Amino acid sequence: MHFKNERIISHHFPTNWLLKSLDLNTCDFWICGYLQHVVFSGMIANVAELKTRIAQHIHNINKDTLRSVVEHDISWFELAAEKRWTAY
C-alpha cells in the first residue's frame, strides 16, 4: 500500500501544524486518534480484519459523543472568529 504524505494526520508528521490554524480538521484529528486507539488495541492478523475493526468501531461511536465533538468544535471556531486568529 502507498499513502501520500498530504493525507497523513499525525502528531509526528514532518510538517508542523500551526497552533492557531483555522483549518476545519479538528473532527478528523479526533476521529483518527480515537480509531487508532481502539482499532490497534490488539493484534491484527490481516487487512480484512483491520477493515472490519475500523468499520465496527466507527459504527460503535454513539450520537452523543459525535454531538459533543461537534459542539466543542463549534465553540472553538466561534472563539477563533471572535479573536480573529490567523494561521500566520
C-alpha atoms as a PDB file:
ATOM      1  CA  MET A   1       0.000   0.000   0.000  1.00  0.00           C
ATOM      2  CA  HIS A   2       1.143   3.527  -0.683  1.00  0.00           C
ATOM      3  CA  PHE A   3      -0.025   6.509   1.320  1.00  0.00           C
ATOM      4  CA  LYS A   4       0.678  10.002   0.098  1.00  0.00           C
ATOM      5  CA  ASN A   5       2.085  12.321   2.760  1.00  0.00           C
ATOM      6  CA  GLU A   6      -0.535  15.003   2.226  1.00  0.00           C
ATOM      7  CA  ARG A   7      -3.250  12.658   3.555  1.00  0.00           C
ATOM      8  CA  ILE A   8      -1.486  11.819   6.818  1.00  0.00           C
ATOM      9  CA  ILE A   9      -2.943  13.086  10.070  1.00  0.00           C
ATOM     10  CA  SER A  10      -0.293  12.645  12.717  1.00  0.00           C
ATOM     11  CA  HIS A  11       1.421  14.436  15.579  1.00  0.00           C
ATOM     12  CA  HIS A  12       4.733  13.206  14.164  1.00  0.00           C
ATOM     13  CA  PHE A  13       4.178  14.404  10.591  1.00  0.00           C
ATOM     14  CA  PRO A  14       7.212  16.383   9.322  1.00  0.00           C
ATOM     15  CA  THR A  15       5.077  19.456   8.543  1.00  0.00           C
ATOM     16  CA  ASN A  16       4.313  21.427  11.693  1.00  0.00           C
ATOM     17  CA  TRP A  17       0.646  22.052  12.436  1.00  0.00           C
ATOM     18  CA  LEU A  18       0.017  25.703  13.167  1.00  0.00           C
ATOM     19  CA  LEU A  19      -1.343  26.088  16.682  1.00  0.00           C
ATOM     20  CA  LYS A  20      -3.746  28.834  15.656  1.00  0.00           C
ATOM     21  CA  SER A  21      -4.747  27.250  12.373  1.00  0.00           C
ATOM     22  CA  LEU A  22      -8.381  27.702  11.436  1.00  0.00           C
ATOM     23  CA  ASP A  23      -8.304  24.666   9.215  1.00  0.00           C
ATOM     24  CA  LEU A  24     -11.543  22.788   9.828  1.00  0.00           C
ATOM     25  CA  ASN A  25      -9.927  19.422  10.541  1.00  0.00           C
ATOM     26  CA  THR A  26     -10.314  19.066  14.305  1.00  0.00           C
ATOM     27  CA  CYS A  27     -13.009  16.392  13.962  1.00  0.00           C
ATOM     28  CA  ASP A  28     -10.693  14.477  11.632  1.00  0.00           C
ATOM     29  CA  PHE A  29      -7.931  14.566  14.230  1.00  0.00           C
ATOM     30  CA  TRP A  30     -10.252  13.347  16.956  1.00  0.00           C
ATOM     31  CA  ILE A  31     -11.772  10.522  14.934  1.00  0.00           C
ATOM     32  CA  CYS A  32      -8.394   9.308  13.638  1.00  0.00           C
ATOM     33  CA  GLY A  33      -6.844   9.331  17.096  1.00  0.00           C
ATOM     34  CA  TYR A  34      -9.824   7.585  18.621  1.00  0.00           C
ATOM     35  CA  LEU A  35      -9.954   4.918  15.916  1.00  0.00           C
ATOM     36  CA  GLN A  36      -6.224   4.337  16.088  1.00  0.00           C
ATOM     37  CA  HIS A  37      -6.521   3.763  19.833  1.00  0.00           C
ATOM     38  CA  VAL A  38      -9.434   1.315  19.692  1.00  0.00           C
ATOM     39  CA  VAL A  39      -8.599  -0.466  16.430  1.00  0.00           C
ATOM     40  CA  PHE A  40      -4.984  -1.181  17.333  1.00  0.00           C
ATOM     41  CA  SER A  41      -5.692  -2.196  20.938  1.00  0.00           C
ATOM     42  CA  GLY A  42      -4.980  -5.808  19.950  1.00  0.00           C
ATOM     43  CA  MET A  43      -3.100  -7.722  17.293  1.00  0.00           C
ATOM     44  CA  ILE A  44      -4.464  -7.591  13.745  1.00  0.00           C
ATOM     45  CA  ALA A  45      -3.942 -10.646  11.552  1.00  0.00           C
ATOM     46  CA  ASN A  46      -4.610  -9.169   8.110  1.00  0.00           C
ATOM     47  CA  VAL A  47      -6.057  -6.288   6.103  1.00  0.00           C
ATOM     48  CA  ALA A  48      -9.562  -7.790   6.133  1.00  0.00           C
ATOM     49  CA  GLU A  49      -9.549  -7.839   9.937  1.00  0.00           C
ATOM     50  CA  LEU A  50      -8.258  -4.262  10.009  1.00  0.00           C
ATOM     51  CA  LYS A  51     -11.096  -3.094   7.752  1.00  0.00           C
ATOM     52  CA  THR A  52     -13.643  -4.990   9.855  1.00  0.00           C
ATOM     53  CA  ARG A  53     -12.368  -3.441  13.087  1.00  0.00           C
ATOM     54  CA  ILE A  54     -12.414   0.057  11.620  1.00  0.00           C
ATOM     55  CA  ALA A  55     -16.000  -0.395  10.404  1.00  0.00           C
ATOM     56  CA  GLN A  56     -17.114  -1.850  13.755  1.00  0.00           C
ATOM     57  CA  HIS A  57     -15.593   0.947  15.798  1.00  0.00           C
ATOM     58  CA  ILE A  58     -16.978   3.648  13.522  1.00  0.00           C
ATOM     59  CA  HIS A  59     -20.407   2.059  13.891  1.00  0.00           C
ATOM     60  CA  ASN A  60     -19.998   1.965  17.692  1.00  0.00           C
ATOM     61  CA  ILE A  61     -19.406   5.719  18.072  1.00  0.00           C
ATOM     62  CA  ASN A  62     -22.623   6.945  19.644  1.00  0.00           C
ATOM     63  CA  LYS A  63     -24.526  10.060  18.622  1.00  0.00           C
ATOM     64  CA  ASP A  64     -23.942  11.810  21.947  1.00  0.00           C
ATOM     65  CA  THR A  65     -20.181  11.527  21.535  1.00  0.00           C
ATOM     66  CA  LEU A  66     -20.306  12.887  17.991  1.00  0.00           C
ATOM     67  CA  ARG A  67     -22.636  15.688  19.072  1.00  0.00           C
ATOM     68  CA  SER A  68     -20.236  16.625  21.876  1.00  0.00           C
ATOM     69  CA  VAL A  69     -17.279  16.741  19.488  1.00  0.00           C
ATOM     70  CA  VAL A  70     -19.172  18.925  17.024  1.00  0.00           C
ATOM     71  CA  GLU A  71     -20.387  21.280  19.784  1.00  0.00           C
ATOM     72  CA  HIS A  72     -16.829  21.629  21.086  1.00  0.00           C
ATOM     73  CA  ASP A  73     -15.553  22.394  17.597  1.00  0.00           C
ATOM     74  CA  ILE A  74     -18.278  24.976  17.007  1.00  0.00           C
ATOM     75  CA  SER A  75     -17.311  26.694  20.271  1.00  0.00           C
ATOM     76  CA  TRP A  76     -13.661  26.660  19.223  1.00  0.00           C
ATOM     77  CA  PHE A  77     -14.467  28.138  15.800  1.00  0.00           C
ATOM     78  CA  GLU A  78     -16.612  30.859  17.379  1.00  0.00           C
ATOM     79  CA  LEU A  79     -13.788  31.747  19.763  1.00  0.00           C
ATOM     80  CA  ALA A  80     -11.315  31.781  16.891  1.00  0.00           C
ATOM     81  CA  ALA A  81     -13.594  34.086  14.877  1.00  0.00           C
ATOM     82  CA  GLU A  82     -14.066  36.351  17.895  1.00  0.00           C
ATOM     83  CA  LYS A  83     -10.312  36.587  18.457  1.00  0.00           C
ATOM     84  CA  ARG A  84      -9.721  36.801  14.705  1.00  0.00           C
ATOM     85  CA  TRP A  85      -6.894  34.339  14.994  1.00  0.00           C
ATOM     86  CA  THR A  86      -4.884  33.705  11.901  1.00  0.00           C
ATOM     87  CA  ALA A  87      -2.732  30.829  10.843  1.00  0.00           C
ATOM     88  CA  TYR A  88       0.201  33.138  10.107  1.00  0.00           C
END
